[in-house]
Amino acid sequence: MREKGEEMENIEDIASYIVSDGKGILAADESNPTCTKRFDSIGVESTEDKRREYREMLFRSEGMKGNIGGVILFDETIRQDAEDGTSLVEVIRNQGAVPGIKVDKGLEVINDQEETVTKGLEGLNERCSEYYSLGARFTKWRAVIKIGNTIPSKECINRNMEALAEYALIAQANGMVPIVEPEVLMDGDHSIDQCYEASSRSLDALFSMLTSKGVNIKGTILKPNMITSGSNVTSKANIDEVASMTLKCLKSHVPDELPGVAFLSGGQSDLDATAHLNAMNKKGGFKWALCFSYGRALQQPALKVWLGDNKNSSLAQAALSHRALMNRLASQGRWEQGLES
């Protein structure tokens, strides 16, 4: 683990550190409207100070150390100080994790409202420069790919993957590791084979674009979806099938020099996200680190315990610490269901 205050400046070193030794990423970059929905579910008003209080509680959890290599922040959060005046960026660093920042600006509708392209390239260089000065050392940009009868279209995939590549180049020029997130949504009634096909097309286009634009793959992290059945399918693929299909897809399209693949949970339950990750690491046969970049799948148990009350903070921190450890073990193929009790 890095010593307190120790800083890495080489993007290849930063990328490798974030995903080293089974560590993963805590995604705490929910926009204010999304955070408000989460708080609504527990009956807590979403104010700027309450959001800071909640995230500070997460970042100070003992289980951050050794299990979490990076934390993705929202614009509001990277500018906030903890209750004792320490910047939240420094709180994260003191836990041995790297602060990161979401830099895309959301989705823009194309193709008669069925598909979207992610926006945010305008002014990105200036924003990245500022975020670097605020302490961020990695960035995240999310593209969204939907599955339907006639989609994803070639236009949607190509426009999104080109934007991801342009973003990655700008992030690296500003000394930060880009996390590229081509999320094929779980929403729908599609089969696991349709998810495989859409994900394959997306990854193929992504790495073609990254290479053609001269992005340093060794200083990049991929945040993909797992290959799963659609969320509305009654008979879903089992854990072994998800693991096998996901590995097959990644091995076919992801270059060996990529330091890490950090999965999004994408609507999976806490335990499913862990079990799928563990099954893949047990199978092995790949050169990149295979870990996690979870939001809800790490935070939800803590949120349910916290309930907006500081008296519950230690219990909420224990819940986050447990999920962080479970997922680190899964990133090493060492998780077992019995550990959850």
Protein backbone atom coordinates (compact mmCIF):
# COMPACT_ATOMS: atom_id res chain seq x y z
CA MET A 1 0.00 0.00 0.00
CA ARG A 2 1.14 3.52 -0.70
CA GLU A 3 2.32 5.60 2.21
CA LYS A 4 0.10 8.48 3.28
CA GLY A 5 0.47 11.37 0.85
CA GLU A 6 2.57 9.41 -1.61
CA GLU A 7 1.69 10.40 -5.18
CA MET A 8 2.14 8.59 -8.47
CA GLU A 9 2.35 10.66 -11.62
CA ASN A 10 2.83 8.04 -14.35
CA ILE A 11 -0.55 7.01 -15.75
CA GLU A 12 0.57 3.42 -16.31
CA ASP A 13 1.63 3.14 -12.65
CA ILE A 14 -1.65 4.71 -11.49
CA ALA A 15 -3.78 2.38 -13.60
CA SER A 16 -1.87 -0.68 -12.41
CA TYR A 17 -2.07 0.39 -8.76
CA ILE A 18 -5.85 0.93 -8.81
CA VAL A 19 -6.50 -2.68 -9.88
CA SER A 20 -3.57 -4.37 -8.10
CA ASP A 21 -3.84 -7.23 -5.59
CA GLY A 22 -7.58 -7.71 -6.05
CA LYS A 23 -8.42 -4.08 -5.31
CA GLY A 24 -11.34 -2.45 -7.09
CA ILE A 25 -13.09 0.88 -7.45
CA LEU A 26 -15.84 2.46 -5.36
CA ALA A 27 -18.15 4.33 -7.74
CA ALA A 28 -19.47 7.28 -5.72
CA ASP A 29 -20.08 9.53 -8.71
CA GLU A 30 -23.88 9.57 -8.64
CA SER A 31 -25.29 12.84 -9.93
CA ASN A 32 -27.33 14.86 -7.44
CA PRO A 33 -30.66 13.67 -8.94
CA THR A 34 -29.52 10.03 -8.71
CA CYS A 35 -28.28 10.51 -5.16
CA THR A 36 -31.63 12.10 -4.33
CA LYS A 37 -33.41 8.93 -5.55
CA ARG A 38 -31.17 6.82 -3.31
CA PHE A 39 -31.87 9.08 -0.33
CA ASP A 40 -35.61 9.08 -1.09
CA SER A 41 -35.56 5.29 -0.72
CA ILE A 42 -34.51 5.69 2.93
CA GLY A 43 -36.54 8.82 3.65
CA VAL A 44 -33.61 11.25 3.86
CA GLU A 45 -33.58 14.74 2.33
CA SER A 46 -30.81 15.13 -0.24
CA THR A 47 -28.96 18.31 0.70
CA GLU A 48 -25.39 19.19 -0.20
CA ASP A 49 -24.28 18.73 3.40
CA LYS A 50 -26.13 15.42 3.79
CA ARG A 51 -24.53 14.07 0.61
CA ARG A 52 -21.13 15.10 1.96
CA GLU A 53 -21.88 13.47 5.31
CA TYR A 54 -22.88 10.19 3.63
CA ARG A 55 -19.88 10.02 1.33
CA GLU A 56 -17.42 11.00 4.05
CA MET A 57 -18.83 8.16 6.14
CA LEU A 58 -18.17 5.74 3.26
CA PHE A 59 -14.68 7.03 2.55
CA ARG A 60 -13.62 6.72 6.21
CA SER A 61 -14.69 3.05 6.41
CA GLU A 62 -11.91 0.81 7.66
CA GLY A 63 -12.53 -1.65 4.83
CA MET A 64 -11.48 0.90 2.22
CA LYS A 65 -7.85 0.12 3.07
CA GLY A 66 -6.44 -2.67 0.95
CA ASN A 67 -9.74 -3.37 -0.82
CA ILE A 68 -10.43 -0.15 -2.70
CA GLY A 69 -7.81 1.20 -5.12
CA GLY A 70 -9.79 4.14 -6.49
CA VAL A 71 -12.90 6.20 -5.80
CA ILE A 72 -14.90 7.88 -8.58
CA LEU A 73 -16.27 11.23 -7.45
CA PHE A 74 -18.92 13.66 -8.69
CA ASP A 75 -18.06 17.31 -9.35
CA GLU A 76 -19.69 18.43 -6.08
CA THR A 77 -17.81 15.86 -4.00
CA ILE A 78 -14.28 16.52 -5.27
CA ARG A 79 -14.65 20.13 -4.03
CA GLN A 80 -15.96 19.24 -0.56
CA ASP A 81 -14.20 19.09 2.78
CA ALA A 82 -14.86 16.60 5.54
CA GLU A 83 -16.41 17.74 8.81
CA ASP A 84 -12.94 18.25 10.33
CA GLY A 85 -11.83 20.44 7.40
CA THR A 86 -9.78 17.77 5.59
CA SER A 87 -10.59 17.64 1.89
CA LEU A 88 -12.47 14.49 0.84
CA VAL A 89 -9.72 13.97 -1.73
CA GLU A 90 -7.21 13.74 1.12
CA VAL A 91 -9.48 11.43 3.12
CA ILE A 92 -9.47 9.05 0.14
CA ARG A 93 -5.69 9.30 -0.30
CA ASN A 94 -5.17 8.57 3.38
CA GLN A 95 -7.03 5.29 2.86
CA GLY A 96 -4.53 4.29 0.19
CA ALA A 97 -6.94 4.92 -2.70
CA VAL A 98 -6.67 7.16 -5.76
CA PRO A 99 -9.28 9.93 -6.21
CA GLY A 100 -11.00 10.00 -9.61
CA ILE A 101 -13.75 12.01 -11.29
CA LYS A 102 -16.67 11.47 -13.65
CA VAL A 103 -16.22 13.87 -16.59
CA ASP A 104 -18.99 13.11 -19.08
CA LYS A 105 -22.04 15.35 -19.28
CA GLY A 106 -24.79 12.80 -19.68
CA LEU A 107 -26.73 11.49 -22.66
CA GLU A 108 -28.04 13.08 -25.84
CA VAL A 109 -30.82 11.35 -27.78
CA ILE A 110 -30.23 10.15 -31.34
CA ASN A 111 -32.21 7.89 -33.66
CA ASP A 112 -35.79 8.79 -32.68
CA GLN A 113 -35.16 8.60 -28.92
CA GLU A 114 -34.25 4.91 -28.88
CA GLU A 115 -30.49 5.45 -28.65
CA THR A 116 -28.13 7.97 -27.10
CA VAL A 117 -24.62 9.34 -27.45
CA THR A 118 -22.69 10.68 -24.46
CA LYS A 119 -21.85 14.38 -24.51
CA GLY A 120 -19.15 16.38 -22.73
CA LEU A 121 -16.19 16.72 -25.10
CA GLU A 122 -16.66 20.48 -25.36
CA GLY A 123 -14.49 22.12 -22.71
CA LEU A 124 -13.22 18.73 -21.50
CA ASN A 125 -9.54 19.68 -21.69
CA GLU A 126 -10.09 22.65 -19.38
CA ARG A 127 -12.20 20.61 -16.98
CA CYS A 128 -9.61 17.85 -16.84
CA SER A 129 -6.90 20.39 -16.10
CA GLU A 130 -8.93 21.75 -13.19
CA TYR A 131 -9.78 18.28 -11.86
CA TYR A 132 -6.09 17.36 -11.91
CA SER A 133 -5.35 20.47 -9.82
CA LEU A 134 -8.08 19.36 -7.38
CA GLY A 135 -6.34 15.99 -6.94
CA ALA A 136 -8.03 13.65 -9.42
CA ARG A 137 -5.67 11.13 -11.03
CA PHE A 138 -8.19 9.15 -13.04
CA THR A 139 -11.42 9.92 -14.91
CA LYS A 140 -14.55 8.12 -16.07
CA TRP A 141 -16.78 8.47 -19.14
CA ARG A 142 -19.88 6.29 -19.64
CA ALA A 143 -21.40 5.36 -22.96
CA VAL A 144 -24.82 3.67 -23.03
CA ILE A 145 -25.76 0.96 -25.52
CA LYS A 146 -29.33 -0.37 -25.59
CA ILE A 147 -30.45 -3.73 -26.99
CA GLY A 148 -33.69 -3.92 -28.97
CA ASN A 149 -35.17 -5.36 -32.13
CA THR A 150 -33.07 -3.21 -34.47
CA ILE A 151 -30.52 -1.78 -32.04
CA PRO A 152 -27.73 -1.16 -31.21
CA SER A 153 -27.16 0.54 -34.53
CA LYS A 154 -23.74 0.88 -36.08
CA GLU A 155 -24.08 4.66 -35.82
CA CYS A 156 -24.76 4.52 -32.09
CA ILE A 157 -21.82 2.24 -31.39
CA ASN A 158 -19.36 4.14 -33.57
CA ARG A 159 -20.31 7.59 -32.27
CA ASN A 160 -20.09 6.48 -28.65
CA MET A 161 -16.80 4.61 -29.05
CA GLU A 162 -15.23 7.50 -30.93
CA ALA A 163 -16.27 9.87 -28.12
CA LEU A 164 -14.77 7.47 -25.56
CA ALA A 165 -11.48 7.44 -27.48
CA GLU A 166 -11.38 11.24 -27.82
CA TYR A 167 -12.12 11.60 -24.11
CA ALA A 168 -9.39 9.07 -23.21
CA LEU A 169 -6.81 10.98 -25.21
CA ILE A 170 -7.71 14.26 -23.47
CA ALA A 171 -7.62 12.64 -20.01
CA GLN A 172 -4.17 11.15 -20.65
CA ALA A 173 -2.87 14.47 -21.99
CA ASN A 174 -3.81 15.92 -18.60
CA GLY A 175 -1.97 13.22 -16.65
CA MET A 176 -5.01 11.17 -15.69
CA VAL A 177 -5.99 7.55 -16.34
CA PRO A 178 -9.19 7.24 -18.39
CA ILE A 179 -11.77 4.64 -17.40
CA VAL A 180 -13.68 3.81 -20.57
CA GLU A 181 -17.18 2.51 -19.85
CA PRO A 182 -19.12 1.09 -22.83
CA GLU A 183 -22.18 -0.11 -20.91
CA VAL A 184 -24.53 -2.45 -22.73
CA LEU A 185 -27.65 -2.09 -20.60
CA MET A 186 -29.14 -5.05 -18.78
CA ASP A 187 -32.64 -3.55 -19.22
CA GLY A 188 -34.91 -5.53 -21.53
CA ASP A 189 -35.96 -9.02 -22.50
CA HIS A 190 -32.93 -9.91 -24.61
CA SER A 191 -31.05 -13.19 -24.42
CA ILE A 192 -27.50 -13.62 -23.18
CA ASP A 193 -26.48 -14.22 -26.81
CA GLN A 194 -27.85 -10.82 -27.83
CA CYS A 195 -25.90 -9.22 -24.98
CA TYR A 196 -22.78 -11.03 -26.16
CA GLU A 197 -23.25 -9.78 -29.72
CA ALA A 198 -23.86 -6.14 -28.73
CA SER A 199 -20.97 -6.17 -26.26
CA SER A 200 -18.61 -7.73 -28.83
CA ARG A 201 -19.45 -5.08 -31.40
CA SER A 202 -18.96 -2.32 -28.83
CA LEU A 203 -15.61 -3.58 -27.52
CA ASP A 204 -14.32 -4.23 -31.04
CA ALA A 205 -15.16 -0.66 -32.06
CA LEU A 206 -13.82 0.79 -28.81
CA PHE A 207 -10.34 -0.71 -28.99
CA SER A 208 -10.12 0.04 -32.71
CA MET A 209 -10.86 3.71 -31.93
CA LEU A 210 -8.51 3.83 -28.94
CA THR A 211 -5.67 2.40 -31.02
CA SER A 212 -6.29 4.61 -34.04
CA LYS A 213 -6.23 7.77 -31.88
CA GLY A 214 -3.01 6.77 -30.12
CA VAL A 215 -4.45 6.23 -26.64
CA ASN A 216 -1.98 4.51 -24.28
CA ILE A 217 -3.75 1.21 -23.52
CA LYS A 218 -1.35 0.50 -20.62
CA GLY A 219 -2.63 3.68 -18.96
CA THR A 220 -6.33 2.88 -19.45
CA ILE A 221 -8.91 0.86 -17.49
CA LEU A 222 -11.98 -0.77 -19.05
CA LYS A 223 -15.30 -0.68 -17.16
CA PRO A 224 -17.62 -3.04 -19.06
CA ASN A 225 -20.88 -4.80 -18.38
CA MET A 226 -20.94 -8.52 -17.76
CA ILE A 227 -22.61 -10.69 -20.41
CA THR A 228 -26.00 -11.43 -18.87
CA SER A 229 -29.59 -12.14 -19.81
CA GLY A 230 -31.91 -9.14 -19.96
CA SER A 231 -33.42 -8.06 -16.65
CA ASN A 232 -36.96 -8.91 -17.82
CA VAL A 233 -36.13 -12.48 -18.88
CA THR A 234 -37.79 -15.08 -16.65
CA SER A 235 -35.21 -17.84 -17.12
CA LYS A 236 -31.83 -16.15 -16.71
CA ALA A 237 -28.38 -17.52 -17.48
CA ASN A 238 -26.68 -19.07 -14.45
CA ILE A 239 -23.47 -17.93 -12.79
CA ASP A 240 -21.20 -20.25 -14.76
CA GLU A 241 -22.74 -19.27 -18.10
CA VAL A 242 -22.41 -15.55 -17.34
CA ALA A 243 -18.76 -16.06 -16.34
CA SER A 244 -17.94 -18.16 -19.41
CA MET A 245 -19.67 -15.85 -21.91
CA THR A 246 -18.14 -12.73 -20.35
CA LEU A 247 -14.62 -14.16 -20.45
CA LYS A 248 -15.10 -15.34 -24.04
CA CYS A 249 -16.17 -11.84 -25.07
CA LEU A 250 -13.31 -10.11 -23.26
CA LYS A 251 -10.64 -12.51 -24.51
CA SER A 252 -11.82 -11.96 -28.08
CA HIS A 253 -11.66 -8.15 -27.97
CA VAL A 254 -9.54 -6.84 -25.08
CA PRO A 255 -5.76 -6.53 -25.60
CA ASP A 256 -3.45 -8.21 -23.10
CA GLU A 257 -1.60 -4.97 -22.33
CA LEU A 258 -4.69 -3.42 -20.70
CA PRO A 259 -3.89 -3.34 -16.95
CA GLY A 260 -7.39 -3.97 -15.69
CA VAL A 261 -11.03 -4.73 -16.37
CA ALA A 262 -13.22 -3.29 -13.60
CA PHE A 263 -16.79 -4.43 -14.08
CA LEU A 264 -19.86 -2.32 -13.45
CA SER A 265 -22.63 -4.11 -11.55
CA GLY A 266 -25.31 -2.83 -13.91
CA GLY A 267 -28.38 -3.60 -11.84
CA GLN A 268 -27.22 -6.96 -10.50
CA SER A 269 -27.82 -7.77 -6.85
CA ASP A 270 -24.90 -7.37 -4.44
CA LEU A 271 -24.32 -11.12 -4.24
CA ASP A 272 -24.77 -11.80 -7.96
CA ALA A 273 -22.17 -9.17 -8.85
CA THR A 274 -19.73 -10.80 -6.42
CA ALA A 275 -20.50 -14.38 -7.46
CA HIS A 276 -20.09 -13.65 -11.19
CA LEU A 277 -16.77 -11.88 -10.59
CA ASN A 278 -15.51 -14.75 -8.46
CA ALA A 279 -16.50 -17.37 -11.05
CA MET A 280 -14.52 -15.55 -13.75
CA ASN A 281 -11.41 -15.28 -11.63
CA LYS A 282 -11.63 -18.96 -10.72
CA LYS A 283 -11.62 -19.82 -14.43
CA GLY A 284 -8.58 -17.58 -15.13
CA GLY A 285 -6.74 -17.66 -18.43
CA PHE A 286 -6.34 -13.88 -18.92
CA LYS A 287 -3.55 -11.36 -18.36
CA TRP A 288 -5.42 -8.29 -17.11
CA ALA A 289 -6.64 -7.82 -13.54
CA LEU A 290 -10.34 -8.65 -13.36
CA CYS A 291 -11.96 -6.63 -10.59
CA PHE A 292 -14.90 -4.37 -9.77
CA SER A 293 -16.08 -0.80 -10.13
CA TYR A 294 -19.35 -1.00 -8.24
CA GLY A 295 -21.72 1.70 -7.04
CA ARG A 296 -24.96 0.26 -5.73
CA ALA A 297 -23.46 -3.23 -5.27
CA LEU A 298 -21.01 -1.75 -2.75
CA GLN A 299 -23.09 1.06 -1.26
CA GLN A 300 -26.62 -0.33 -0.93
CA PRO A 301 -26.12 -2.38 2.27
CA ALA A 302 -24.44 0.62 3.92
CA LEU A 303 -27.17 3.01 2.77
CA LYS A 304 -29.90 0.77 4.21
CA VAL A 305 -28.16 0.70 7.59
CA TRP A 306 -27.16 4.38 7.70
CA LEU A 307 -30.66 5.86 7.19
CA GLY A 308 -29.25 9.37 7.45
CA ASP A 309 -28.41 8.99 11.14
CA ASN A 310 -24.80 9.36 12.34
CA LYS A 311 -25.56 6.94 15.19
CA ASN A 312 -25.64 4.23 12.51
CA SER A 313 -22.36 5.25 10.87
CA SER A 314 -20.21 2.49 12.36
CA LEU A 315 -22.70 -0.19 11.28
CA ALA A 316 -22.95 1.33 7.81
CA GLN A 317 -19.15 1.42 7.54
CA ALA A 318 -19.00 -2.22 8.56
CA ALA A 319 -21.50 -3.06 5.80
CA LEU A 320 -19.43 -1.26 3.16
CA SER A 321 -16.21 -2.80 4.50
CA HIS A 322 -17.72 -6.28 4.24
CA ARG A 323 -18.82 -5.82 0.62
CA ALA A 324 -15.43 -4.31 -0.30
CA LEU A 325 -13.63 -7.32 1.19
CA MET A 326 -16.00 -9.82 -0.43
CA ASN A 327 -15.41 -8.27 -3.83
CA ARG A 328 -11.67 -8.16 -3.34
CA LEU A 329 -11.76 -11.88 -2.57
CA ALA A 330 -13.89 -12.39 -5.69
CA SER A 331 -11.27 -10.49 -7.71
CA GLN A 332 -8.82 -13.17 -6.58
CA GLY A 333 -11.21 -16.12 -7.05
CA ARG A 334 -11.25 -16.70 -3.28
CA TRP A 335 -14.85 -15.78 -2.41
CA GLU A 336 -17.31 -18.35 -1.06
CA GLN A 337 -21.00 -17.98 -0.27
CA GLY A 338 -20.35 -19.02 3.33
CA LEU A 339 -18.26 -15.90 3.91
CA GLU A 340 -21.40 -13.77 3.59
CA SER A 341 -22.80 -14.96 6.91
